[in-house]
PDB file of N, CA and C in Angstrom:
ATOM      1  N   MET A   1      29.221 -15.384 -18.342  1.00  0.00           N
ATOM      2  CA  MET A   1      28.991 -14.119 -18.869  1.00  0.00           C
ATOM      3  C   MET A   1      30.155 -13.109 -18.516  1.00  0.00           C
ATOM      4  N   ASN A   2      30.887 -12.650 -19.373  1.00  0.00           N
ATOM      5  CA  ASN A   2      32.103 -11.504 -19.173  1.00  0.00           C
ATOM      6  C   ASN A   2      31.405 -10.396 -19.440  1.00  0.00           C
ATOM      7  N   LEU A   3      31.583  -9.438 -18.262  1.00  0.00           N
ATOM      8  CA  LEU A   3      31.176  -7.972 -18.566  1.00  0.00           C
ATOM      9  C   LEU A   3      32.293  -7.113 -18.285  1.00  0.00           C
ATOM     10  N   THR A   4      32.407  -6.140 -19.045  1.00  0.00           N
ATOM     11  CA  THR A   4      33.473  -5.184 -19.000  1.00  0.00           C
ATOM     12  C   THR A   4      33.188  -4.428 -17.659  1.00  0.00           C
ATOM     13  N   PRO A   5      34.220  -3.722 -17.284  1.00  0.00           N
ATOM     14  CA  PRO A   5      34.040  -2.896 -15.998  1.00  0.00           C
ATOM     15  C   PRO A   5      32.910  -1.825 -16.122  1.00  0.00           C
ATOM     16  N   GLN A   6      32.768  -1.322 -17.172  1.00  0.00           N
ATOM     17  CA  GLN A   6      31.679  -0.306 -17.545  1.00  0.00           C
ATOM     18  C   GLN A   6      30.310  -1.088 -17.304  1.00  0.00           C
ATOM     19  N   GLN A   7      30.218  -1.996 -18.034  1.00  0.00           N
ATOM     20  CA  GLN A   7      28.636  -2.898 -18.055  1.00  0.00           C
ATOM     21  C   GLN A   7      28.554  -3.336 -16.695  1.00  0.00           C
ATOM     22  N   ARG A   8      29.632  -3.618 -15.925  1.00  0.00           N
ATOM     23  CA  ARG A   8      29.324  -4.083 -14.430  1.00  0.00           C
ATOM     24  C   ARG A   8      28.882  -2.878 -13.622  1.00  0.00           C
ATOM     25  N   LYS A   9      29.602  -1.728 -13.799  1.00  0.00           N
ATOM     26  CA  LYS A   9      29.186  -0.489 -13.208  1.00  0.00           C
ATOM     27  C   LYS A   9      27.693  -0.259 -13.319  1.00  0.00           C
ATOM     28  N   GLU A  10      27.319  -0.317 -14.790  1.00  0.00           N
ATOM     29  CA  GLU A  10      26.034   0.148 -15.042  1.00  0.00           C
ATOM     30  C   GLU A  10      24.948  -1.018 -14.441  1.00  0.00           C
ATOM     31  N   ARG A  11      25.281  -2.240 -14.489  1.00  0.00           N
ATOM     32  CA  ARG A  11      24.528  -3.241 -13.960  1.00  0.00           C
ATOM     33  C   ARG A  11      24.382  -3.037 -12.644  1.00  0.00           C
ATOM     34  N   ASP A  12      25.292  -2.714 -11.711  1.00  0.00           N
ATOM     35  CA  ASP A  12      25.301  -2.526 -10.250  1.00  0.00           C
ATOM     36  C   ASP A  12      24.619  -1.128 -10.037  1.00  0.00           C
ATOM     37  N   ALA A  13      24.671  -0.264 -10.721  1.00  0.00           N
ATOM     38  CA  ALA A  13      23.897   1.021 -10.572  1.00  0.00           C
ATOM     39  C   ALA A  13      22.294   0.664 -10.903  1.00  0.00           C
ATOM     40  N   GLN A  14      22.000  -0.022 -11.885  1.00  0.00           N
ATOM     41  CA  GLN A  14      20.608  -0.453 -12.102  1.00  0.00           C
ATOM     42  C   GLN A  14      19.984  -1.269 -10.956  1.00  0.00           C
ATOM     43  N   ARG A  15      20.790  -2.275 -10.584  1.00  0.00           N
ATOM     44  CA  ARG A  15      20.291  -3.112  -9.350  1.00  0.00           C
ATOM     45  C   ARG A  15      20.049  -2.236  -8.155  1.00  0.00           C
ATOM     46  N   GLN A  16      20.916  -1.278  -7.992  1.00  0.00           N
ATOM     47  CA  GLN A  16      20.816  -0.406  -6.622  1.00  0.00           C
ATOM     48  C   GLN A  16      19.472   0.408  -6.876  1.00  0.00           C
ATOM     49  N   GLN A  17      19.272   1.008  -8.022  1.00  0.00           N
ATOM     50  CA  GLN A  17      17.985   1.738  -8.285  1.00  0.00           C
ATOM     51  C   GLN A  17      16.706   0.822  -8.276  1.00  0.00           C
ATOM     52  N   ASP A  18      16.966  -0.246  -8.574  1.00  0.00           N
ATOM     53  CA  ASP A  18      15.835  -1.374  -8.485  1.00  0.00           C
ATOM     54  C   ASP A  18      15.540  -1.604  -7.143  1.00  0.00           C
ATOM     55  N   ALA A  19      16.656  -1.888  -6.411  1.00  0.00           N
ATOM     56  CA  ALA A  19      16.446  -2.161  -4.927  1.00  0.00           C
ATOM     57  C   ALA A  19      15.906  -0.951  -4.208  1.00  0.00           C
ATOM     58  N   SER A  20      16.313   0.234  -4.452  1.00  0.00           N
ATOM     59  CA  SER A  20      15.763   1.442  -3.830  1.00  0.00           C
ATOM     60  C   SER A  20      14.369   1.605  -4.298  1.00  0.00           C
ATOM     61  N   GLN A  21      13.948   1.414  -5.403  1.00  0.00           N
ATOM     62  CA  GLN A  21      12.247   1.519  -5.807  1.00  0.00           C
ATOM     63  C   GLN A  21      11.636   0.422  -5.058  1.00  0.00           C
ATOM     64  N   ALA A  22      12.084  -0.658  -4.967  1.00  0.00           N
ATOM     65  CA  ALA A  22      11.424  -1.789  -4.262  1.00  0.00           C
ATOM     66  C   ALA A  22      11.102  -1.468  -2.822  1.00  0.00           C
ATOM     67  N   MET A  23      12.231  -0.854  -2.173  1.00  0.00           N
ATOM     68  CA  MET A  23      12.152  -0.340  -0.668  1.00  0.00           C
ATOM     69  C   MET A  23      11.074   0.661  -0.581  1.00  0.00           C
ATOM     70  N   LYS A  24      11.101   1.524  -1.524  1.00  0.00           N
ATOM     71  CA  LYS A  24      10.008   2.610  -1.414  1.00  0.00           C
ATOM     72  C   LYS A  24       8.655   2.160  -1.490  1.00  0.00           C
ATOM     73  N   GLU A  25       8.432   1.099  -2.453  1.00  0.00           N
ATOM     74  CA  GLU A  25       7.190   0.465  -2.547  1.00  0.00           C
ATOM     75  C   GLU A  25       6.688  -0.369  -1.528  1.00  0.00           C
ATOM     76  N   HIS A  26       7.677  -1.176  -0.876  1.00  0.00           N
ATOM     77  CA  HIS A  26       7.530  -1.943   0.325  1.00  0.00           C
ATOM     78  C   HIS A  26       6.974  -0.966   1.467  1.00  0.00           C
ATOM     79  N   ARG A  27       7.765   0.167   1.665  1.00  0.00           N
ATOM     80  CA  ARG A  27       7.408   1.188   2.841  1.00  0.00           C
ATOM     81  C   ARG A  27       6.017   1.651   2.643  1.00  0.00           C
ATOM     82  N   ALA A  28       5.555   2.052   1.307  1.00  0.00           N
ATOM     83  CA  ALA A  28       4.436   2.502   0.972  1.00  0.00           C
ATOM     84  C   ALA A  28       3.202   1.603   1.335  1.00  0.00           C
ATOM     85  N   ASN A  29       3.602   0.309   1.039  1.00  0.00           N
ATOM     86  CA  ASN A  29       2.564  -0.858   1.202  1.00  0.00           C
ATOM     87  C   ASN A  29       2.338  -0.982   2.635  1.00  0.00           C
ATOM     88  N   GLU A  30       3.617  -1.078   3.470  1.00  0.00           N
ATOM     89  CA  GLU A  30       3.674  -1.197   4.869  1.00  0.00           C
ATOM     90  C   GLU A  30       2.698  -0.124   5.556  1.00  0.00           C
ATOM     91  N   LYS A  31       3.037   1.118   5.087  1.00  0.00           N
ATOM     92  CA  LYS A  31       2.385   2.211   5.659  1.00  0.00           C
ATOM     93  C   LYS A  31       0.797   2.093   5.369  1.00  0.00           C
ATOM     94  N   ALA A  32       0.313   1.831   4.196  1.00  0.00           N
ATOM     95  CA  ALA A  32      -1.025   1.682   3.908  1.00  0.00           C
ATOM     96  C   ALA A  32      -1.632   0.450   4.768  1.00  0.00           C
ATOM     97  N   PHE A  33      -0.952  -0.614   4.928  1.00  0.00           N
ATOM     98  CA  PHE A  33      -1.393  -1.588   5.749  1.00  0.00           C
ATOM     99  C   PHE A  33      -1.717  -1.198   7.193  1.00  0.00           C
ATOM    100  N   TYR A  34      -0.748  -0.526   7.708  1.00  0.00           N
ATOM    101  CA  TYR A  34      -0.917   0.092   9.078  1.00  0.00           C
ATOM    102  C   TYR A  34      -1.842   0.816   9.241  1.00  0.00           C
ATOM    103  N   ASP A  35      -2.096   2.026   8.251  1.00  0.00           N
ATOM    104  CA  ASP A  35      -3.181   2.882   8.393  1.00  0.00           C
ATOM    105  C   ASP A  35      -4.489   1.972   8.375  1.00  0.00           C
ATOM    106  N   ASN A  36      -4.578   1.171   7.482  1.00  0.00           N
ATOM    107  CA  ASN A  36      -5.902   0.323   7.466  1.00  0.00           C
ATOM    108  C   ASN A  36      -6.126  -0.252   8.710  1.00  0.00           C
ATOM    109  N   PHE A  37      -5.080  -0.857   9.328  1.00  0.00           N
ATOM    110  CA  PHE A  37      -5.231  -1.700  10.550  1.00  0.00           C
ATOM    111  C   PHE A  37      -5.741  -0.691  11.522  1.00  0.00           C
ATOM    112  N   GLN A  38      -5.257   0.426  11.707  1.00  0.00           N
ATOM    113  CA  GLN A  38      -5.486   1.309  12.824  1.00  0.00           C
ATOM    114  C   GLN A  38      -7.028   1.815  12.555  1.00  0.00           C
ATOM    115  N   ARG A  39      -7.290   2.062  11.298  1.00  0.00           N
ATOM    116  CA  ARG A  39      -8.765   2.498  11.084  1.00  0.00           C
ATOM    117  C   ARG A  39      -9.829   1.368  11.418  1.00  0.00           C
ATOM    118  N   LEU A  40      -9.427   0.195  10.996  1.00  0.00           N
ATOM    119  CA  LEU A  40     -10.330  -0.768  11.421  1.00  0.00           C
ATOM    120  C   LEU A  40     -10.259  -1.176  12.909  1.00  0.00           C
ATOM    121  N   LYS A  41      -9.134  -1.037  13.373  1.00  0.00           N
ATOM    122  CA  LYS A  41      -9.188  -1.248  15.004  1.00  0.00           C
ATOM    123  C   LYS A  41     -10.024  -0.215  15.631  1.00  0.00           C
ATOM    124  N   ALA A  42      -9.943   1.175  15.197  1.00  0.00           N
ATOM    125  CA  ALA A  42     -10.588   2.160  15.786  1.00  0.00           C
ATOM    126  C   ALA A  42     -12.189   1.969  15.422  1.00  0.00           C
ATOM    127  N   GLU A  43     -12.580   1.387  14.360  1.00  0.00           N
ATOM    128  CA  GLU A  43     -13.976   1.163  14.106  1.00  0.00           C
ATOM    129  C   GLU A  43     -14.416  -0.071  15.055  1.00  0.00           C
ATOM    130  N   ARG A  44     -13.535  -1.024  15.325  1.00  0.00           N
ATOM    131  CA  ARG A  44     -14.013  -2.277  16.052  1.00  0.00           C
ATOM    132  C   ARG A  44     -14.417  -1.684  17.679  1.00  0.00           C
ATOM    133  N   GLN A  45     -13.310  -0.996  18.082  1.00  0.00           N
ATOM    134  CA  GLN A  45     -13.545  -0.414  19.264  1.00  0.00           C
ATOM    135  C   GLN A  45     -14.663   0.374  19.580  1.00  0.00           C
ATOM    136  N   ALA A  46     -15.072   1.347  18.627  1.00  0.00           N
ATOM    137  CA  ALA A  46     -16.183   2.126  18.665  1.00  0.00           C
ATOM    138  C   ALA A  46     -17.468   1.264  18.631  1.00  0.00           C
ATOM    139  N   ARG A  47     -17.454  -0.009  17.686  1.00  0.00           N
ATOM    140  CA  ARG A  47     -18.623  -0.632  17.710  1.00  0.00           C
ATOM    141  C   ARG A  47     -18.675  -1.532  19.114  1.00  0.00           C
ATOM    142  N   GLU A  48     -17.712  -1.875  19.700  1.00  0.00           N
ATOM    143  CA  GLU A  48     -17.759  -2.718  20.939  1.00  0.00           C
ATOM    144  C   GLU A  48     -18.145  -1.607  21.945  1.00  0.00           C
ATOM    145  N   ALA A  49     -17.662  -0.583  22.043  1.00  0.00           N
ATOM    146  CA  ALA A  49     -18.201   0.457  22.964  1.00  0.00           C
ATOM    147  C   ALA A  49     -19.587   0.633  22.938  1.00  0.00           C
ATOM    148  N   ALA A  50     -20.106   0.876  21.602  1.00  0.00           N
ATOM    149  CA  ALA A  50     -21.558   0.957  21.452  1.00  0.00           C
ATOM    150  C   ALA A  50     -22.466  -0.125  21.939  1.00  0.00           C
ATOM    151  N   GLU A  51     -21.865  -1.271  21.569  1.00  0.00           N
ATOM    152  CA  GLU A  51     -22.634  -2.580  22.093  1.00  0.00           C
ATOM    153  C   GLU A  51     -22.694  -2.652  23.624  1.00  0.00           C
ATOM    154  N   SER A  52     -21.313  -2.434  24.295  1.00  0.00           N
ATOM    155  CA  SER A  52     -21.473  -2.472  25.783  1.00  0.00           C
ATOM    156  C   SER A  52     -22.380  -1.403  26.453  1.00  0.00           C
ATOM    157  N   ARG A  53     -22.500  -0.250  25.613  1.00  0.00           N
ATOM    158  CA  ARG A  53     -23.430   0.729  26.202  1.00  0.00           C
ATOM    159  C   ARG A  53     -24.755   0.239  26.135  1.00  0.00           C
ATOM    160  N   SER A  54     -25.085  -0.385  24.908  1.00  0.00           N
ATOM    161  CA  SER A  54     -26.413  -0.879  24.629  1.00  0.00           C
ATOM    162  C   SER A  54     -26.912  -1.939  25.756  1.00  0.00           C
ATOM    163  N   GLN A  55     -25.810  -2.946  25.821  1.00  0.00           N
ATOM    164  CA  GLN A  55     -26.140  -3.998  26.951  1.00  0.00           C
ATOM    165  C   GLN A  55     -26.218  -3.505  28.298  1.00  0.00           C
ATOM    166  N   ALA A  56     -25.651  -2.421  28.487  1.00  0.00           N
ATOM    167  CA  ALA A  56     -25.679  -1.800  30.003  1.00  0.00           C
ATOM    168  C   ALA A  56     -27.027  -0.970  30.160  1.00  0.00           C
ATOM    169  N   GLN A  57     -27.475  -0.587  29.071  1.00  0.00           N
ATOM    170  CA  GLN A  57     -28.755   0.183  29.223  1.00  0.00           C
ATOM    171  C   GLN A  57     -29.957  -0.950  29.292  1.00  0.00           C
ATOM    172  N   SER A  58     -29.805  -2.009  28.494  1.00  0.00           N
ATOM    173  CA  SER A  58     -30.834  -3.117  28.503  1.00  0.00           C
ATOM    174  C   SER A  58     -30.865  -3.616  29.834  1.00  0.00           C
ATOM    175  N   ALA A  59     -29.597  -3.845  30.469  1.00  0.00           N
ATOM    176  CA  ALA A  59     -29.473  -4.631  31.773  1.00  0.00           C
ATOM    177  C   ALA A  59     -30.204  -3.819  32.775  1.00  0.00           C
ATOM    178  N   SER A  60     -30.004  -2.543  32.876  1.00  0.00           N
ATOM    179  CA  SER A  60     -30.521  -1.454  33.742  1.00  0.00           C
ATOM    180  C   SER A  60     -32.127  -1.322  33.841  1.00  0.00           C
ATOM    181  N   LYS A  61     -32.680  -1.851  32.827  1.00  0.00           N
ATOM    182  CA  LYS A  61     -34.173  -1.584  32.637  1.00  0.00           C
ATOM    183  C   LYS A  61     -34.916  -2.756  33.247  1.00  0.00           C
TER     184      LYS A  61
END
């Protein structure tokens, strides 16, 4: 496939734009994953703390 210099330039610009968009999407997905992970971690820690308080109260009776 023989491309003219202009076609090569356009192709390279399109590839760069595609790569940039892919990185933006990747970062957004990574942030969403991290935020969800942190939310679930906080919920688990709160649940475990409530369970340990409940067990401590029942053990002291």
